[in-house]
């Protein structure tokens, strides 16, 4: 299919020829590689199958496009339409609502929201711009972000992750994420979960520094002899190679691809809800809650807790009745 919408003169000539040969609208659309709706509208707007004339149709289209560019002028030349628009602007209707109301109620006059905005930006309508929510009579220029984008180097897609990791068939393969403070707080938490045992770890970080995240993730990976980790595409994961294990990255906007740690984060949010300022939370307080999460009997684990599973798998060297500092083999 063609990417542009406007039919060319050559295409209109072809439509006229094919109509004379009694081709159907759908057959013509297929021959032109156009949408059947486009061809059907073109024929209907220009006299139908028996009266279609390519030259007249093309001239009508060119004229219509020119009129569209100055559509706002009809507001100035139609006193009833202009009065209606001003009346609704004064009770804080926006141009889209005004245009929608006129069309929905089939009033005797009509102007599109684009035409209304163009009229407001002209010398005739500027004084009514104060009734707009923005109060502006000019389009706010978009800020151009000229900052150099920092990409994640040597990124390996989750599509290349072995099937054994996907099926949670082996221990040592993990997922990582971050839990951030509220807008009035600073810092956050770097979290790490082993996929098969669901063993969950968390370390405080002072900010979203990529190097700091890499350092604490390396520590957590070392604690359980991790073999790989799956992460999202946040720039805090830029130095993933510093962790020292194979790293895979999810597709953009696909948190479900590391659903285990997303679920664990929800459990952590029970103790530290959104808006929490983690700069006011100590690592000891965080460890206490992580221990509670790891100590819960999980249905997915046959109602055994993550600590017991990790201990039997040799990932941690001891079980404790208090908040643990896991040993390593």
Protein backbone atom coordinates (compact mmCIF):
# COMPACT_ATOMS: atom_id res chain seq x y z
CA UNK A 1 0.00 0.00 0.00
CA UNK A 2 1.17 3.55 -0.71
CA UNK A 3 2.08 5.64 2.28
CA UNK A 4 0.57 8.93 1.05
CA UNK A 5 -3.17 9.64 0.88
CA UNK A 6 -3.58 12.08 -1.99
CA UNK A 7 -4.44 10.50 -5.34
CA UNK A 8 -2.34 11.65 -8.29
CA UNK A 9 -3.67 12.76 -11.69
CA UNK A 10 -2.29 9.55 -13.23
CA UNK A 11 -4.22 7.45 -10.70
CA UNK A 12 -7.42 9.34 -11.44
CA UNK A 13 -6.90 8.74 -15.19
CA UNK A 14 -6.52 5.03 -14.42
CA UNK A 15 -9.72 5.04 -12.38
CA UNK A 16 -11.61 6.61 -15.29
CA UNK A 17 -10.25 4.01 -17.74
CA UNK A 18 -11.03 1.05 -15.49
CA UNK A 19 -14.54 2.34 -14.74
CA UNK A 20 -15.18 2.52 -18.49
CA UNK A 21 -14.16 -1.15 -18.65
CA UNK A 22 -16.70 -1.86 -15.87
CA UNK A 23 -14.14 -2.84 -13.23
CA UNK A 24 -15.48 -2.92 -9.67
CA UNK A 25 -14.24 -0.43 -7.11
CA UNK A 26 -12.41 -3.17 -5.21
CA UNK A 27 -10.67 -4.37 -8.40
CA UNK A 28 -9.57 -0.81 -9.18
CA UNK A 29 -8.22 -0.41 -5.65
CA UNK A 30 -6.22 -3.63 -6.03
CA UNK A 31 -4.81 -2.50 -9.38
CA UNK A 32 -3.72 0.85 -7.87
CA UNK A 33 -2.49 -0.69 -4.59
CA UNK A 34 -4.90 1.60 -2.79
CA UNK A 35 -7.45 1.12 -0.03
CA UNK A 36 -10.93 0.23 -1.37
CA UNK A 37 -12.30 2.99 0.87
CA UNK A 38 -10.06 5.58 -0.83
CA UNK A 39 -11.23 4.58 -4.32
CA UNK A 40 -14.88 4.33 -3.25
CA UNK A 41 -14.79 7.83 -1.72
CA UNK A 42 -13.06 9.26 -4.80
CA UNK A 43 -15.70 7.87 -7.17
CA UNK A 44 -18.63 8.85 -4.96
CA UNK A 45 -17.37 12.45 -4.52
CA UNK A 46 -17.01 12.93 -8.26
CA UNK A 47 -20.32 11.88 -9.79
CA UNK A 48 -20.29 8.12 -9.34
CA UNK A 49 -19.23 5.36 -11.73
CA UNK A 50 -21.12 6.68 -14.78
CA UNK A 51 -20.14 10.37 -14.50
CA UNK A 52 -16.57 10.12 -13.18
CA UNK A 53 -14.15 12.40 -15.02
CA UNK A 54 -10.48 12.31 -14.04
CA UNK A 55 -9.68 15.89 -15.12
CA UNK A 56 -12.61 17.41 -13.23
CA UNK A 57 -11.98 15.21 -10.18
CA UNK A 58 -8.34 16.29 -9.96
CA UNK A 59 -9.20 19.98 -10.33
CA UNK A 60 -11.87 19.67 -7.64
CA UNK A 61 -9.36 18.01 -5.28
CA UNK A 62 -6.75 20.75 -5.81
CA UNK A 63 -9.33 23.48 -5.20
CA UNK A 64 -10.63 21.70 -2.09
CA UNK A 65 -7.14 21.52 -0.61
CA UNK A 66 -6.61 25.23 -1.20
CA UNK A 67 -9.93 26.03 0.46
CA UNK A 68 -9.02 23.88 3.44
CA UNK A 69 -5.92 25.98 4.12
CA UNK A 70 -8.06 29.11 4.46
CA UNK A 71 -11.08 27.46 6.07
CA UNK A 72 -10.80 29.74 9.09
CA UNK A 73 -11.92 32.71 6.93
CA UNK A 74 -15.47 31.39 6.72
CA UNK A 75 -15.79 32.03 10.48
CA UNK A 76 -15.10 35.71 9.94
CA UNK A 77 -17.59 35.83 7.05
CA UNK A 78 -20.40 33.97 8.84
CA UNK A 79 -21.75 36.10 11.68
CA UNK A 80 -23.93 33.32 13.18
CA UNK A 81 -21.02 30.88 13.24
CA UNK A 82 -18.67 33.48 14.69
CA UNK A 83 -21.16 34.49 17.41
CA UNK A 84 -21.71 30.85 18.37
CA UNK A 85 -17.97 30.14 18.66
CA UNK A 86 -17.34 33.27 20.77
CA UNK A 87 -20.28 32.43 23.04
CA UNK A 88 -18.94 28.93 23.72
CA UNK A 89 -15.36 30.12 24.19
CA UNK A 90 -16.57 32.48 26.91
CA UNK A 91 -18.01 29.54 28.88
CA UNK A 92 -14.67 27.74 28.51
CA UNK A 93 -15.49 25.28 25.73
CA UNK A 94 -12.36 24.38 23.78
CA UNK A 95 -12.32 24.35 19.93
CA UNK A 96 -12.60 20.56 19.77
CA UNK A 97 -15.72 20.61 21.96
CA UNK A 98 -17.27 23.43 19.91
CA UNK A 99 -16.63 21.64 16.61
CA UNK A 100 -17.87 18.34 18.00
CA UNK A 101 -21.08 19.92 19.29
CA UNK A 102 -21.82 21.61 15.95
CA UNK A 103 -21.27 18.39 14.06
CA UNK A 104 -23.13 16.16 16.51
CA UNK A 105 -26.16 18.44 16.60
CA UNK A 106 -26.10 19.11 12.85
CA UNK A 107 -26.29 22.88 13.16
CA UNK A 108 -26.71 25.01 10.05
CA UNK A 109 -23.10 26.10 10.29
CA UNK A 110 -19.89 24.23 11.03
CA UNK A 111 -16.15 24.79 11.46
CA UNK A 112 -13.57 22.19 12.35
CA UNK A 113 -11.43 22.53 15.46
CA UNK A 114 -8.44 23.27 13.20
CA UNK A 115 -10.33 26.11 11.52
CA UNK A 116 -11.30 27.54 14.92
CA UNK A 117 -7.71 27.44 16.13
CA UNK A 118 -6.51 29.10 12.92
CA UNK A 119 -9.14 31.82 13.31
CA UNK A 120 -8.07 32.37 16.92
CA UNK A 121 -4.48 32.79 15.76
CA UNK A 122 -5.46 35.31 13.11
CA UNK A 123 -5.74 39.04 13.78
CA UNK A 124 -9.53 38.65 13.94
CA UNK A 125 -9.65 36.11 16.75
CA UNK A 126 -6.61 36.77 18.89
CA UNK A 127 -8.49 38.75 21.50
CA UNK A 128 -10.58 35.65 22.27
CA UNK A 129 -7.54 33.47 22.99
CA UNK A 130 -7.72 34.51 26.64
CA UNK A 131 -10.72 32.17 26.96
CA UNK A 132 -8.61 29.15 26.05
CA UNK A 133 -7.27 27.00 28.86
CA UNK A 134 -3.69 27.82 27.82
CA UNK A 135 -4.47 31.49 27.25
CA UNK A 136 -2.02 31.45 24.33
CA UNK A 137 -2.71 32.67 20.81
CA UNK A 138 0.35 30.92 19.41
CA UNK A 139 1.39 27.27 19.41
CA UNK A 140 3.88 26.61 22.18
CA UNK A 141 7.17 25.67 20.51
CA UNK A 142 8.44 22.23 21.34
CA UNK A 143 11.76 22.03 23.09
CA UNK A 144 14.38 20.32 21.00
CA UNK A 145 16.41 17.88 23.05
CA UNK A 146 19.95 18.09 21.69
CA UNK A 147 21.45 15.96 24.41
CA UNK A 148 23.42 12.97 23.24
CA UNK A 149 21.51 9.79 23.96
CA UNK A 150 23.45 7.25 25.98
CA UNK A 151 22.68 3.80 24.66
CA UNK A 152 23.31 0.50 26.43
CA UNK A 153 26.49 -0.98 24.91
CA UNK A 154 26.61 -4.60 23.75
CA UNK A 155 22.94 -5.09 24.49
CA UNK A 156 21.75 -8.71 24.05
CA UNK A 157 18.02 -9.16 23.48
CA UNK A 158 15.94 -11.50 25.60
CA UNK A 159 15.14 -13.32 22.36
CA UNK A 160 18.64 -14.81 22.53
CA UNK A 161 18.20 -16.07 26.08
CA UNK A 162 18.41 -19.91 26.20
CA UNK A 163 15.18 -21.85 26.59
CA UNK A 164 16.42 -23.42 29.85
CA UNK A 165 16.42 -19.96 31.47
CA UNK A 166 12.96 -19.17 30.14
CA UNK A 167 11.55 -22.40 31.59
CA UNK A 168 13.29 -21.86 34.96
CA UNK A 169 14.96 -25.23 34.56
CA UNK A 170 18.23 -24.26 36.25
CA UNK A 171 19.27 -22.27 39.31
CA UNK A 172 21.42 -19.17 39.07
CA UNK A 173 19.53 -17.18 36.45
CA UNK A 174 18.16 -13.91 37.76
CA UNK A 175 16.13 -10.79 37.08
CA UNK A 176 17.04 -7.26 38.17
CA UNK A 177 15.13 -4.01 38.54
CA UNK A 178 14.98 -0.75 40.46
CA UNK A 179 12.44 0.62 42.93
CA UNK A 180 12.67 4.41 43.09
CA UNK A 181 11.74 7.03 45.65
CA UNK A 182 8.77 9.36 45.23
CA UNK A 183 9.18 12.68 43.42
CA UNK A 184 10.06 14.47 46.65
CA UNK A 185 12.62 11.85 47.69
CA UNK A 186 16.05 10.74 46.55
CA UNK A 187 17.70 7.44 45.85
CA UNK A 188 16.05 4.07 45.58
CA UNK A 189 16.62 0.36 45.75
CA UNK A 190 18.38 -1.98 43.35
CA UNK A 191 16.65 -5.37 43.47
CA UNK A 192 17.69 -8.83 42.32
CA UNK A 193 15.71 -12.09 42.18
CA UNK A 194 16.76 -15.63 41.30
CA UNK A 195 14.17 -16.96 38.86
CA UNK A 196 13.82 -20.59 39.99
CA UNK A 197 13.96 -20.20 43.80
CA UNK A 198 12.38 -16.69 43.83
CA UNK A 199 15.09 -15.60 46.28
CA UNK A 200 14.84 -11.80 46.46
CA UNK A 201 17.60 -9.32 47.37
CA UNK A 202 17.62 -5.53 47.67
CA UNK A 203 20.33 -2.93 48.21
CA UNK A 204 19.92 0.80 48.75
CA UNK A 205 21.38 3.17 46.15
CA UNK A 206 21.83 6.91 46.51
CA UNK A 207 20.65 7.67 42.97
CA UNK A 208 20.20 6.32 39.47
CA UNK A 209 23.93 6.22 38.74
CA UNK A 210 24.69 3.39 36.32
CA UNK A 211 28.00 2.56 38.02
CA UNK A 212 26.45 2.39 41.50
CA UNK A 213 23.76 0.02 40.24
CA UNK A 214 26.39 -2.16 38.58
CA UNK A 215 28.40 -2.36 41.81
CA UNK A 216 25.47 -3.43 44.02
CA UNK A 217 24.14 -5.83 41.37
CA UNK A 218 27.56 -7.45 41.17
CA UNK A 219 27.50 -7.92 44.95
CA UNK A 220 24.03 -9.49 44.89
CA UNK A 221 24.95 -11.72 41.94
CA UNK A 222 28.06 -12.90 43.83
CA UNK A 223 25.98 -13.71 46.93
CA UNK A 224 24.12 -16.47 45.09
CA UNK A 225 26.64 -17.42 42.38
CA UNK A 226 24.40 -16.00 39.64
CA UNK A 227 25.04 -17.07 36.06
CA UNK A 228 22.87 -14.58 34.16
CA UNK A 229 20.53 -11.65 34.72
CA UNK A 230 17.61 -10.23 32.74
CA UNK A 231 17.04 -6.46 32.95
CA UNK A 232 14.98 -3.70 31.38
CA UNK A 233 16.34 -0.95 29.14
CA UNK A 234 16.82 1.74 31.79
CA UNK A 235 19.99 3.78 31.43
CA UNK A 236 20.94 2.73 34.97
CA UNK A 237 21.86 -0.61 33.36
CA UNK A 238 24.43 0.96 31.06
CA UNK A 239 27.38 -0.70 32.85
CA UNK A 240 25.83 -4.18 32.91
CA UNK A 241 29.12 -5.71 31.77
CA UNK A 242 30.64 -4.75 35.14
CA UNK A 243 28.39 -7.31 36.88
CA UNK A 244 30.50 -10.09 35.39
CA UNK A 245 27.71 -12.39 34.20
CA UNK A 246 25.68 -12.76 31.01
CA UNK A 247 23.03 -10.03 30.73
CA UNK A 248 19.85 -10.10 28.65
CA UNK A 249 17.51 -7.19 28.00
CA UNK A 250 13.72 -7.19 27.70
CA UNK A 251 11.90 -5.60 24.81
CA UNK A 252 10.89 -1.97 25.36
CA UNK A 253 7.75 -1.48 27.49
CA UNK A 254 7.47 -5.21 28.22
CA UNK A 255 7.74 -5.60 32.03
CA UNK A 256 5.90 -8.93 31.80
CA UNK A 257 9.07 -10.47 30.37
CA UNK A 258 10.55 -10.32 33.88
CA UNK A 259 7.30 -10.91 35.70
CA UNK A 260 8.89 -12.64 38.70
CA UNK A 261 10.70 -9.58 39.97
CA UNK A 262 7.78 -7.31 39.09
CA UNK A 263 5.63 -9.43 41.40
CA UNK A 264 8.30 -9.32 44.12
CA UNK A 265 8.45 -5.54 43.82
CA UNK A 266 4.71 -5.40 44.50
CA UNK A 267 5.33 -7.29 47.74
CA UNK A 268 8.08 -4.82 48.65
CA UNK A 269 5.71 -1.93 47.94
CA UNK A 270 3.43 -3.28 50.67
CA UNK A 271 6.04 -2.12 53.17
CA UNK A 272 7.37 0.83 51.19
CA UNK A 273 4.45 2.23 49.14
CA UNK A 274 4.85 4.55 46.17
CA UNK A 275 6.01 7.93 47.34
CA UNK A 276 8.43 6.49 49.92
CA UNK A 277 11.66 8.44 50.27
CA UNK A 278 14.26 5.67 50.43
CA UNK A 279 16.91 8.10 51.64
CA UNK A 280 15.06 7.90 54.98
CA UNK A 281 15.02 4.07 55.00
CA UNK A 282 18.02 2.20 56.41
CA UNK A 283 19.50 -0.93 54.85
CA UNK A 284 18.63 -2.78 58.06
CA UNK A 285 14.95 -1.83 57.71
CA UNK A 286 15.05 -2.94 54.10
CA UNK A 287 16.68 -6.28 55.02
CA UNK A 288 13.95 -6.98 57.56
CA UNK A 289 11.22 -6.66 54.93
CA UNK A 290 13.18 -8.67 52.36
CA UNK A 291 13.53 -11.45 54.95
CA UNK A 292 9.75 -11.44 55.47
CA UNK A 293 9.19 -11.74 51.71
CA UNK A 294 11.72 -14.57 51.35
CA UNK A 295 10.28 -16.33 54.40
CA UNK A 296 6.74 -16.56 53.01
CA UNK A 297 5.54 -20.00 51.88
CA UNK A 298 4.91 -19.59 48.16
CA UNK A 299 2.33 -21.51 46.17
CA UNK A 300 4.64 -21.46 43.14
CA UNK A 301 7.26 -23.26 45.29
CA UNK A 302 4.83 -25.84 46.68
CA UNK A 303 4.29 -23.72 49.79
CA UNK A 304 8.00 -23.76 50.69
CA UNK A 305 9.74 -20.44 51.17
CA UNK A 306 12.47 -19.03 48.93
CA UNK A 307 15.17 -19.26 51.61
CA UNK A 308 14.67 -23.02 52.01
CA UNK A 309 14.73 -23.58 48.26
CA UNK A 310 17.88 -21.48 47.84
CA UNK A 311 19.58 -23.27 50.75
CA UNK A 312 18.86 -26.73 49.32
CA UNK A 313 20.14 -25.54 45.93
CA UNK A 314 23.41 -24.42 47.53
CA UNK A 315 22.98 -20.73 46.71
CA UNK A 316 23.13 -19.67 50.37
CA UNK A 317 25.06 -21.38 53.18
CA UNK A 318 22.76 -20.91 56.15
CA UNK A 319 19.22 -20.22 57.22
CA UNK A 320 18.59 -17.75 60.02
CA UNK A 321 15.59 -16.98 62.15
CA UNK A 322 16.48 -13.32 62.03
CA UNK A 323 17.16 -10.90 59.20
CA UNK A 324 19.95 -12.68 57.28
CA UNK A 325 23.27 -11.69 55.85
CA UNK A 326 23.66 -14.54 53.41
CA UNK A 327 26.94 -16.37 53.32
CA UNK A 328 28.56 -17.68 50.17
CA UNK A 329 30.10 -21.07 49.41
